[in-house]
């Protein structure tokens, strides 16, 4: 699920109906269930992407150190010479290649995006957990303005 979709759903679900506070209170459990499911799936997707990154880093290490077979390079569509005919860098310089590698950068971007989704869902769940307090404040305010 995309972050924009989640935020759009939350815009609709976050509304507290001023004239239907009891219905809004009952709706909290449904909302919590809905967003907890989304949160759980997003966390699992994040873990999967982090595992993909670890695997990609291992593959890139094999690639840049010259330990990957031609068949494996063909399978991935990678060039046979990662350094384009240049001198093979020192092991201490390989980090620069990992950081700038397009495949690793792409996965890191996906992980950052997934972390943003998880954080947004975590905030939504926290808001739902404390929603009863917001409803109570509305009731107290209505009592106050009515003179009770």
N, C-alpha and C. Protein backbone atom coordinates (compact mmCIF):
# COMPACT_ATOMS: atom_id res chain seq x y z
N UNK A 1 0.84 -1.18 0.00
CA UNK A 1 0.00 0.00 0.00
C UNK A 1 0.89 1.24 0.00
N UNK A 2 0.47 2.26 -0.70
CA UNK A 2 1.23 3.50 -0.81
C UNK A 2 0.93 4.43 0.36
N UNK A 3 1.91 5.24 0.69
CA UNK A 3 1.76 6.20 1.78
C UNK A 3 0.61 7.16 1.51
N UNK A 4 0.49 7.62 0.28
CA UNK A 4 -0.61 8.55 -0.08
C UNK A 4 -1.97 7.91 0.17
N UNK A 5 -2.10 6.63 -0.14
CA UNK A 5 -3.37 5.93 0.09
C UNK A 5 -3.69 5.86 1.58
N UNK A 6 -2.68 5.56 2.38
CA UNK A 6 -2.88 5.47 3.83
C UNK A 6 -3.28 6.82 4.40
N UNK A 7 -2.58 7.87 3.97
CA UNK A 7 -2.89 9.21 4.49
C UNK A 7 -4.26 9.68 4.05
N UNK A 8 -4.67 9.31 2.84
CA UNK A 8 -6.02 9.67 2.37
C UNK A 8 -7.08 8.94 3.20
N UNK A 9 -6.85 7.65 3.47
CA UNK A 9 -7.78 6.89 4.31
C UNK A 9 -7.87 7.51 5.69
N UNK A 10 -6.72 7.89 6.25
CA UNK A 10 -6.69 8.44 7.59
C UNK A 10 -7.40 9.79 7.66
N UNK A 11 -7.31 10.57 6.58
CA UNK A 11 -8.03 11.85 6.54
C UNK A 11 -9.52 11.62 6.77
N UNK A 12 -10.05 10.59 6.13
CA UNK A 12 -11.48 10.28 6.29
C UNK A 12 -11.76 9.66 7.66
N UNK A 13 -10.90 8.73 8.08
CA UNK A 13 -11.13 7.99 9.32
C UNK A 13 -10.85 8.82 10.57
N UNK A 14 -10.07 9.87 10.45
CA UNK A 14 -9.69 10.64 11.64
C UNK A 14 -10.76 11.62 12.09
N UNK A 15 -11.77 11.81 11.27
CA UNK A 15 -12.83 12.75 11.60
C UNK A 15 -13.63 12.25 12.80
N UNK A 16 -13.76 13.12 13.79
CA UNK A 16 -14.60 12.82 14.96
C UNK A 16 -15.91 13.56 14.75
N UNK A 17 -16.98 12.79 14.60
CA UNK A 17 -18.29 13.39 14.35
C UNK A 17 -18.80 14.00 15.64
N UNK A 18 -18.94 15.30 15.64
CA UNK A 18 -19.34 16.05 16.83
C UNK A 18 -20.73 15.65 17.34
N UNK A 19 -21.60 15.27 16.43
CA UNK A 19 -22.97 14.92 16.82
C UNK A 19 -23.17 13.42 17.01
N UNK A 20 -22.10 12.64 16.88
CA UNK A 20 -22.20 11.19 17.01
C UNK A 20 -21.00 10.67 17.79
N UNK A 21 -20.78 11.19 18.99
CA UNK A 21 -19.61 10.83 19.77
C UNK A 21 -19.65 9.37 20.22
N UNK A 22 -20.84 8.86 20.53
CA UNK A 22 -20.92 7.46 20.94
C UNK A 22 -20.58 6.52 19.78
N UNK A 23 -21.03 6.86 18.57
CA UNK A 23 -20.70 6.06 17.39
C UNK A 23 -19.22 6.16 17.06
N UNK A 24 -18.65 7.33 17.26
CA UNK A 24 -17.22 7.52 17.03
C UNK A 24 -16.41 6.70 18.02
N UNK A 25 -16.88 6.61 19.25
CA UNK A 25 -16.19 5.82 20.27
C UNK A 25 -16.20 4.34 19.89
N UNK A 26 -17.32 3.85 19.46
CA UNK A 26 -17.44 2.45 19.06
C UNK A 26 -16.57 2.17 17.84
N UNK A 27 -16.46 3.15 16.97
CA UNK A 27 -15.69 3.00 15.73
C UNK A 27 -14.18 2.87 16.00
N UNK A 28 -13.72 3.27 17.20
CA UNK A 28 -12.29 3.23 17.53
C UNK A 28 -11.71 1.81 17.41
N UNK A 29 -12.44 0.84 17.87
CA UNK A 29 -11.95 -0.55 17.81
C UNK A 29 -11.80 -1.01 16.36
N UNK A 30 -12.73 -0.63 15.53
CA UNK A 30 -12.67 -1.00 14.11
C UNK A 30 -11.47 -0.32 13.45
N UNK A 31 -11.28 0.96 13.76
CA UNK A 31 -10.14 1.68 13.19
C UNK A 31 -8.82 1.09 13.68
N UNK A 32 -8.77 0.76 14.95
CA UNK A 32 -7.54 0.18 15.49
C UNK A 32 -7.21 -1.13 14.77
N UNK A 33 -8.20 -1.95 14.57
CA UNK A 33 -8.01 -3.21 13.87
C UNK A 33 -7.53 -2.98 12.44
N UNK A 34 -8.15 -2.05 11.77
CA UNK A 34 -7.80 -1.74 10.37
C UNK A 34 -6.35 -1.28 10.26
N UNK A 35 -5.96 -0.32 11.09
CA UNK A 35 -4.62 0.24 10.98
C UNK A 35 -3.56 -0.67 11.59
N UNK A 36 -3.94 -1.51 12.54
CA UNK A 36 -3.00 -2.49 13.08
C UNK A 36 -2.64 -3.52 12.01
N UNK A 37 -3.62 -3.91 11.23
CA UNK A 37 -3.36 -4.85 10.13
C UNK A 37 -2.41 -4.22 9.12
N UNK A 38 -2.69 -2.97 8.75
CA UNK A 38 -1.81 -2.27 7.80
C UNK A 38 -0.40 -2.12 8.37
N UNK A 39 -0.32 -1.81 9.66
CA UNK A 39 0.97 -1.65 10.33
C UNK A 39 1.75 -2.96 10.32
N UNK A 40 1.08 -4.05 10.64
CA UNK A 40 1.74 -5.36 10.68
C UNK A 40 2.28 -5.75 9.31
N UNK A 41 1.48 -5.54 8.28
CA UNK A 41 1.91 -5.86 6.92
C UNK A 41 3.09 -4.97 6.51
N UNK A 42 3.01 -3.69 6.86
CA UNK A 42 4.09 -2.75 6.51
C UNK A 42 5.39 -3.12 7.22
N UNK A 43 5.30 -3.55 8.49
CA UNK A 43 6.49 -3.97 9.23
C UNK A 43 7.11 -5.21 8.58
N UNK A 44 6.28 -6.16 8.17
CA UNK A 44 6.79 -7.36 7.51
C UNK A 44 7.44 -7.02 6.17
N UNK A 45 6.84 -6.10 5.43
CA UNK A 45 7.43 -5.68 4.17
C UNK A 45 8.78 -4.99 4.40
N UNK A 46 8.87 -4.21 5.47
CA UNK A 46 10.14 -3.56 5.81
C UNK A 46 11.21 -4.61 6.11
N UNK A 47 10.86 -5.61 6.91
CA UNK A 47 11.81 -6.68 7.23
C UNK A 47 12.26 -7.41 5.96
N UNK A 48 11.32 -7.65 5.05
CA UNK A 48 11.64 -8.34 3.80
C UNK A 48 12.61 -7.50 2.96
N UNK A 49 12.36 -6.19 2.90
CA UNK A 49 13.24 -5.31 2.13
C UNK A 49 14.63 -5.22 2.76
N UNK A 50 14.69 -5.22 4.09
CA UNK A 50 15.98 -5.20 4.77
C UNK A 50 16.75 -6.51 4.49
N UNK A 51 16.05 -7.62 4.44
CA UNK A 51 16.68 -8.89 4.10
C UNK A 51 17.15 -8.88 2.64
N UNK A 52 16.35 -8.29 1.76
CA UNK A 52 16.75 -8.17 0.35
C UNK A 52 18.02 -7.32 0.23
N UNK A 53 18.11 -6.26 1.03
CA UNK A 53 19.30 -5.41 1.00
C UNK A 53 20.53 -6.17 1.47
N UNK A 54 20.39 -6.94 2.53
CA UNK A 54 21.53 -7.73 3.03
C UNK A 54 21.99 -8.72 1.96
N UNK A 55 21.04 -9.34 1.29
CA UNK A 55 21.37 -10.28 0.22
C UNK A 55 22.04 -9.56 -0.95
N UNK A 56 21.52 -8.40 -1.29
CA UNK A 56 22.09 -7.61 -2.39
C UNK A 56 23.52 -7.18 -2.05
N UNK A 57 23.74 -6.78 -0.80
CA UNK A 57 25.09 -6.37 -0.39
C UNK A 57 26.07 -7.53 -0.51
N UNK A 58 25.62 -8.72 -0.15
CA UNK A 58 26.48 -9.90 -0.30
C UNK A 58 26.79 -10.15 -1.77
N UNK A 59 25.76 -10.08 -2.60
CA UNK A 59 25.96 -10.28 -4.03
C UNK A 59 26.89 -9.23 -4.62
N UNK A 60 26.72 -8.00 -4.21
CA UNK A 60 27.59 -6.93 -4.72
C UNK A 60 29.02 -7.10 -4.21
N UNK A 61 29.16 -7.61 -3.00
CA UNK A 61 30.51 -7.89 -2.49
C UNK A 61 31.18 -8.95 -3.37
N UNK A 62 30.45 -10.01 -3.67
CA UNK A 62 30.99 -11.05 -4.56
C UNK A 62 31.34 -10.45 -5.93
N UNK A 63 30.47 -9.59 -6.42
CA UNK A 63 30.65 -8.96 -7.73
C UNK A 63 31.90 -8.08 -7.74
N UNK A 64 31.99 -7.17 -6.79
CA UNK A 64 33.10 -6.22 -6.78
C UNK A 64 34.44 -6.86 -6.40
N UNK A 65 34.42 -7.97 -5.68
CA UNK A 65 35.68 -8.63 -5.32
C UNK A 65 36.09 -9.67 -6.35
N UNK A 66 35.29 -9.86 -7.39
CA UNK A 66 35.64 -10.78 -8.46
C UNK A 66 35.36 -12.24 -8.14
N UNK A 67 34.51 -12.48 -7.16
CA UNK A 67 34.22 -13.85 -6.74
C UNK A 67 32.90 -14.39 -7.30
N UNK A 68 32.22 -13.57 -8.09
CA UNK A 68 30.95 -13.98 -8.66
C UNK A 68 31.21 -14.63 -10.03
N UNK A 69 30.50 -15.70 -10.32
CA UNK A 69 30.68 -16.39 -11.60
C UNK A 69 30.01 -15.61 -12.73
N UNK A 70 30.45 -15.89 -13.93
CA UNK A 70 29.85 -15.23 -15.11
C UNK A 70 28.37 -15.58 -15.24
N UNK A 71 28.02 -16.82 -14.88
CA UNK A 71 26.62 -17.23 -14.95
C UNK A 71 25.75 -16.40 -14.01
N UNK A 72 26.27 -16.15 -12.82
CA UNK A 72 25.52 -15.34 -11.86
C UNK A 72 25.39 -13.89 -12.34
N UNK A 73 26.45 -13.37 -12.96
CA UNK A 73 26.39 -12.02 -13.52
C UNK A 73 25.40 -11.95 -14.66
N UNK A 74 25.40 -12.97 -15.50
CA UNK A 74 24.44 -13.03 -16.61
C UNK A 74 23.00 -13.08 -16.08
N UNK A 75 22.80 -13.87 -15.03
CA UNK A 75 21.49 -14.02 -14.42
C UNK A 75 20.95 -12.67 -13.94
N UNK A 76 21.83 -11.83 -13.42
CA UNK A 76 21.44 -10.53 -12.87
C UNK A 76 21.53 -9.40 -13.90
N UNK A 77 22.14 -9.69 -15.03
CA UNK A 77 22.29 -8.66 -16.06
C UNK A 77 23.39 -7.66 -15.74
N UNK A 78 24.38 -8.10 -14.99
CA UNK A 78 25.48 -7.21 -14.59
C UNK A 78 26.65 -7.40 -15.55
N UNK A 79 27.40 -6.32 -15.77
CA UNK A 79 28.58 -6.36 -16.64
C UNK A 79 29.65 -7.26 -16.01
N UNK A 80 30.49 -7.82 -16.85
CA UNK A 80 31.54 -8.71 -16.34
C UNK A 80 32.62 -7.94 -15.59
N UNK A 81 32.83 -6.70 -15.95
CA UNK A 81 33.86 -5.89 -15.29
C UNK A 81 33.19 -4.73 -14.56
N UNK A 82 33.08 -4.79 -13.24
CA UNK A 82 32.40 -3.72 -12.51
C UNK A 82 33.16 -2.39 -12.52
N UNK A 83 34.43 -2.43 -12.94
CA UNK A 83 35.26 -1.23 -12.88
C UNK A 83 35.54 -0.66 -14.27
N UNK A 84 34.85 -1.16 -15.28
CA UNK A 84 34.95 -0.67 -16.66
C UNK A 84 36.39 -0.57 -17.15
N UNK A 85 37.17 -1.61 -16.90
CA UNK A 85 38.53 -1.66 -17.38
C UNK A 85 39.53 -0.95 -16.49
N UNK A 86 39.05 -0.26 -15.48
CA UNK A 86 39.95 0.44 -14.57
C UNK A 86 40.58 -0.52 -13.58
N UNK A 87 41.49 0.02 -12.79
CA UNK A 87 42.17 -0.80 -11.79
C UNK A 87 41.20 -1.21 -10.69
N UNK A 88 41.39 -2.41 -10.19
CA UNK A 88 40.56 -2.89 -9.10
C UNK A 88 40.92 -2.10 -7.83
N UNK A 89 39.92 -1.53 -7.16
CA UNK A 89 40.23 -0.71 -5.98
C UNK A 89 40.64 -1.57 -4.78
N UNK A 90 41.21 -0.90 -3.81
CA UNK A 90 41.56 -1.56 -2.56
C UNK A 90 40.29 -1.95 -1.81
N UNK A 91 40.40 -2.93 -0.94
CA UNK A 91 39.23 -3.35 -0.16
C UNK A 91 38.64 -2.18 0.62
N UNK A 92 39.50 -1.31 1.13
CA UNK A 92 39.00 -0.17 1.91
C UNK A 92 38.23 0.83 1.05
N UNK A 93 38.45 0.82 -0.26
CA UNK A 93 37.73 1.72 -1.16
C UNK A 93 36.43 1.14 -1.70
N UNK A 94 36.19 -0.13 -1.46
CA UNK A 94 34.98 -0.77 -1.99
C UNK A 94 33.70 -0.17 -1.42
N UNK A 95 33.76 0.35 -0.22
CA UNK A 95 32.57 0.95 0.40
C UNK A 95 31.99 2.05 -0.50
N UNK A 96 32.86 2.79 -1.17
CA UNK A 96 32.41 3.85 -2.08
C UNK A 96 31.56 3.24 -3.21
N UNK A 97 31.94 2.09 -3.69
CA UNK A 97 31.19 1.42 -4.75
C UNK A 97 29.83 0.93 -4.24
N UNK A 98 29.83 0.40 -3.01
CA UNK A 98 28.57 -0.08 -2.44
C UNK A 98 27.58 1.07 -2.25
N UNK A 99 28.07 2.17 -1.71
CA UNK A 99 27.21 3.31 -1.42
C UNK A 99 26.63 3.92 -2.69
N UNK A 100 27.42 3.91 -3.76
CA UNK A 100 26.96 4.54 -5.00
C UNK A 100 26.34 3.55 -5.99
N UNK A 101 26.28 2.29 -5.64
CA UNK A 101 25.72 1.29 -6.53
C UNK A 101 24.22 1.52 -6.73
N UNK A 102 23.76 1.59 -7.99
CA UNK A 102 22.34 1.90 -8.24
C UNK A 102 21.37 0.87 -7.65
N UNK A 103 21.73 -0.41 -7.66
CA UNK A 103 20.83 -1.43 -7.12
C UNK A 103 20.69 -1.28 -5.60
N UNK A 104 21.80 -1.02 -4.94
CA UNK A 104 21.77 -0.83 -3.48
C UNK A 104 21.04 0.46 -3.13
N UNK A 105 21.30 1.53 -3.91
CA UNK A 105 20.62 2.80 -3.65
C UNK A 105 19.11 2.66 -3.83
N UNK A 106 18.70 1.89 -4.83
CA UNK A 106 17.27 1.68 -5.07
C UNK A 106 16.63 0.97 -3.87
N UNK A 107 17.28 -0.09 -3.39
CA UNK A 107 16.75 -0.82 -2.24
C UNK A 107 16.74 0.05 -0.98
N UNK A 108 17.78 0.86 -0.79
CA UNK A 108 17.83 1.77 0.36
C UNK A 108 16.68 2.78 0.30
N UNK A 109 16.37 3.27 -0.90
CA UNK A 109 15.24 4.19 -1.07
C UNK A 109 13.92 3.51 -0.74
N UNK A 110 13.77 2.26 -1.15
CA UNK A 110 12.55 1.51 -0.84
C UNK A 110 12.43 1.28 0.67
N UNK A 111 13.56 1.02 1.31
CA UNK A 111 13.55 0.82 2.77
C UNK A 111 13.17 2.11 3.48
N UNK A 112 13.72 3.23 3.04
CA UNK A 112 13.37 4.52 3.64
C UNK A 112 11.88 4.82 3.47
N UNK A 113 11.35 4.54 2.29
CA UNK A 113 9.92 4.76 2.04
C UNK A 113 9.08 3.86 2.94
N UNK A 114 9.49 2.60 3.07
CA UNK A 114 8.74 1.65 3.90
C UNK A 114 8.81 2.07 5.36
N UNK A 115 9.95 2.59 5.81
CA UNK A 115 10.08 3.08 7.19
C UNK A 115 9.14 4.25 7.43
N UNK A 116 8.99 5.10 6.43
CA UNK A 116 8.07 6.24 6.54
C UNK A 116 6.63 5.75 6.69
N UNK A 117 6.27 4.72 5.94
CA UNK A 117 4.93 4.14 6.06
C UNK A 117 4.72 3.57 7.46
N UNK A 118 5.71 2.84 7.96
CA UNK A 118 5.61 2.23 9.30
C UNK A 118 5.48 3.33 10.36
N UNK A 119 6.27 4.39 10.23
CA UNK A 119 6.20 5.50 11.20
C UNK A 119 4.84 6.19 11.15
N UNK A 120 4.32 6.40 9.95
CA UNK A 120 3.01 7.04 9.81
C UNK A 120 1.92 6.17 10.45
N UNK A 121 1.97 4.87 10.20
CA UNK A 121 0.97 3.97 10.79
C UNK A 121 1.12 3.90 12.31
N UNK A 122 2.34 3.97 12.79
CA UNK A 122 2.58 3.99 14.23
C UNK A 122 1.94 5.23 14.86
N UNK A 123 2.09 6.37 14.21
CA UNK A 123 1.47 7.62 14.70
C UNK A 123 -0.05 7.53 14.65
N UNK A 124 -0.58 6.95 13.60
CA UNK A 124 -2.03 6.79 13.47
C UNK A 124 -2.55 5.90 14.60
N UNK A 125 -1.87 4.81 14.86
CA UNK A 125 -2.29 3.91 15.94
C UNK A 125 -2.23 4.60 17.29
N UNK A 126 -1.20 5.41 17.51
CA UNK A 126 -1.10 6.15 18.77
C UNK A 126 -2.26 7.13 18.91
N UNK A 127 -2.63 7.76 17.81
CA UNK A 127 -3.76 8.70 17.84
C UNK A 127 -5.06 7.95 18.14
N UNK A 128 -5.23 6.79 17.55
CA UNK A 128 -6.44 5.99 17.80
C UNK A 128 -6.48 5.54 19.26
N UNK A 129 -5.31 5.15 19.80
CA UNK A 129 -5.26 4.71 21.20
C UNK A 129 -5.70 5.82 22.16
N UNK A 130 -5.41 7.06 21.81
CA UNK A 130 -5.76 8.19 22.69
C UNK A 130 -7.01 8.94 22.22
N UNK A 131 -7.71 8.38 21.28
CA UNK A 131 -8.89 9.05 20.73
C UNK A 131 -9.97 9.26 21.79
N UNK A 132 -10.08 8.32 22.71
CA UNK A 132 -11.09 8.46 23.76
C UNK A 132 -10.86 9.74 24.56
N UNK A 133 -9.61 10.14 24.70
CA UNK A 133 -9.30 11.37 25.44
C UNK A 133 -9.79 12.60 24.66
N UNK A 134 -9.63 12.59 23.35
CA UNK A 134 -10.12 13.69 22.53
C UNK A 134 -11.64 13.77 22.61
N UNK A 135 -12.30 12.61 22.60
CA UNK A 135 -13.76 12.59 22.70
C UNK A 135 -14.19 13.12 24.07
N UNK A 136 -13.48 12.72 25.09
CA UNK A 136 -13.80 13.21 26.44
C UNK A 136 -13.63 14.72 26.52
N UNK A 137 -12.59 15.25 25.91
CA UNK A 137 -12.38 16.71 25.89
C UNK A 137 -13.52 17.42 25.18
N UNK A 138 -14.01 16.83 24.09
CA UNK A 138 -15.15 17.42 23.37
C UNK A 138 -16.38 17.44 24.27
N UNK A 139 -16.62 16.34 24.97
CA UNK A 139 -17.78 16.27 25.88
C UNK A 139 -17.65 17.29 26.99
N UNK A 140 -16.46 17.40 27.58
CA UNK A 140 -16.23 18.38 28.65
C UNK A 140 -16.43 19.80 28.13
N UNK A 141 -15.98 20.08 26.93
CA UNK A 141 -16.14 21.40 26.36
C UNK A 141 -17.63 21.71 26.12
N UNK A 142 -18.36 20.70 25.62
CA UNK A 142 -19.80 20.90 25.40
C UNK A 142 -20.52 21.17 26.72
N UNK A 143 -20.13 20.46 27.77
CA UNK A 143 -20.72 20.70 29.10
C UNK A 143 -20.41 22.11 29.56
N UNK A 144 -19.18 22.53 29.37
CA UNK A 144 -18.75 23.86 29.81
C UNK A 144 -19.53 24.95 29.06
N UNK A 145 -19.63 24.81 27.73
CA UNK A 145 -20.34 25.84 26.97
C UNK A 145 -21.84 25.82 27.24
N UNK A 146 -22.36 24.68 27.71
CA UNK A 146 -23.79 24.59 28.04
C UNK A 146 -24.07 25.06 29.47
N UNK A 147 -23.00 25.34 30.22
CA UNK A 147 -23.19 25.85 31.57
C UNK A 147 -23.24 24.78 32.63
N UNK A 148 -22.80 23.58 32.38
CA UNK A 148 -22.80 22.50 33.38
C UNK A 148 -21.49 22.44 34.11
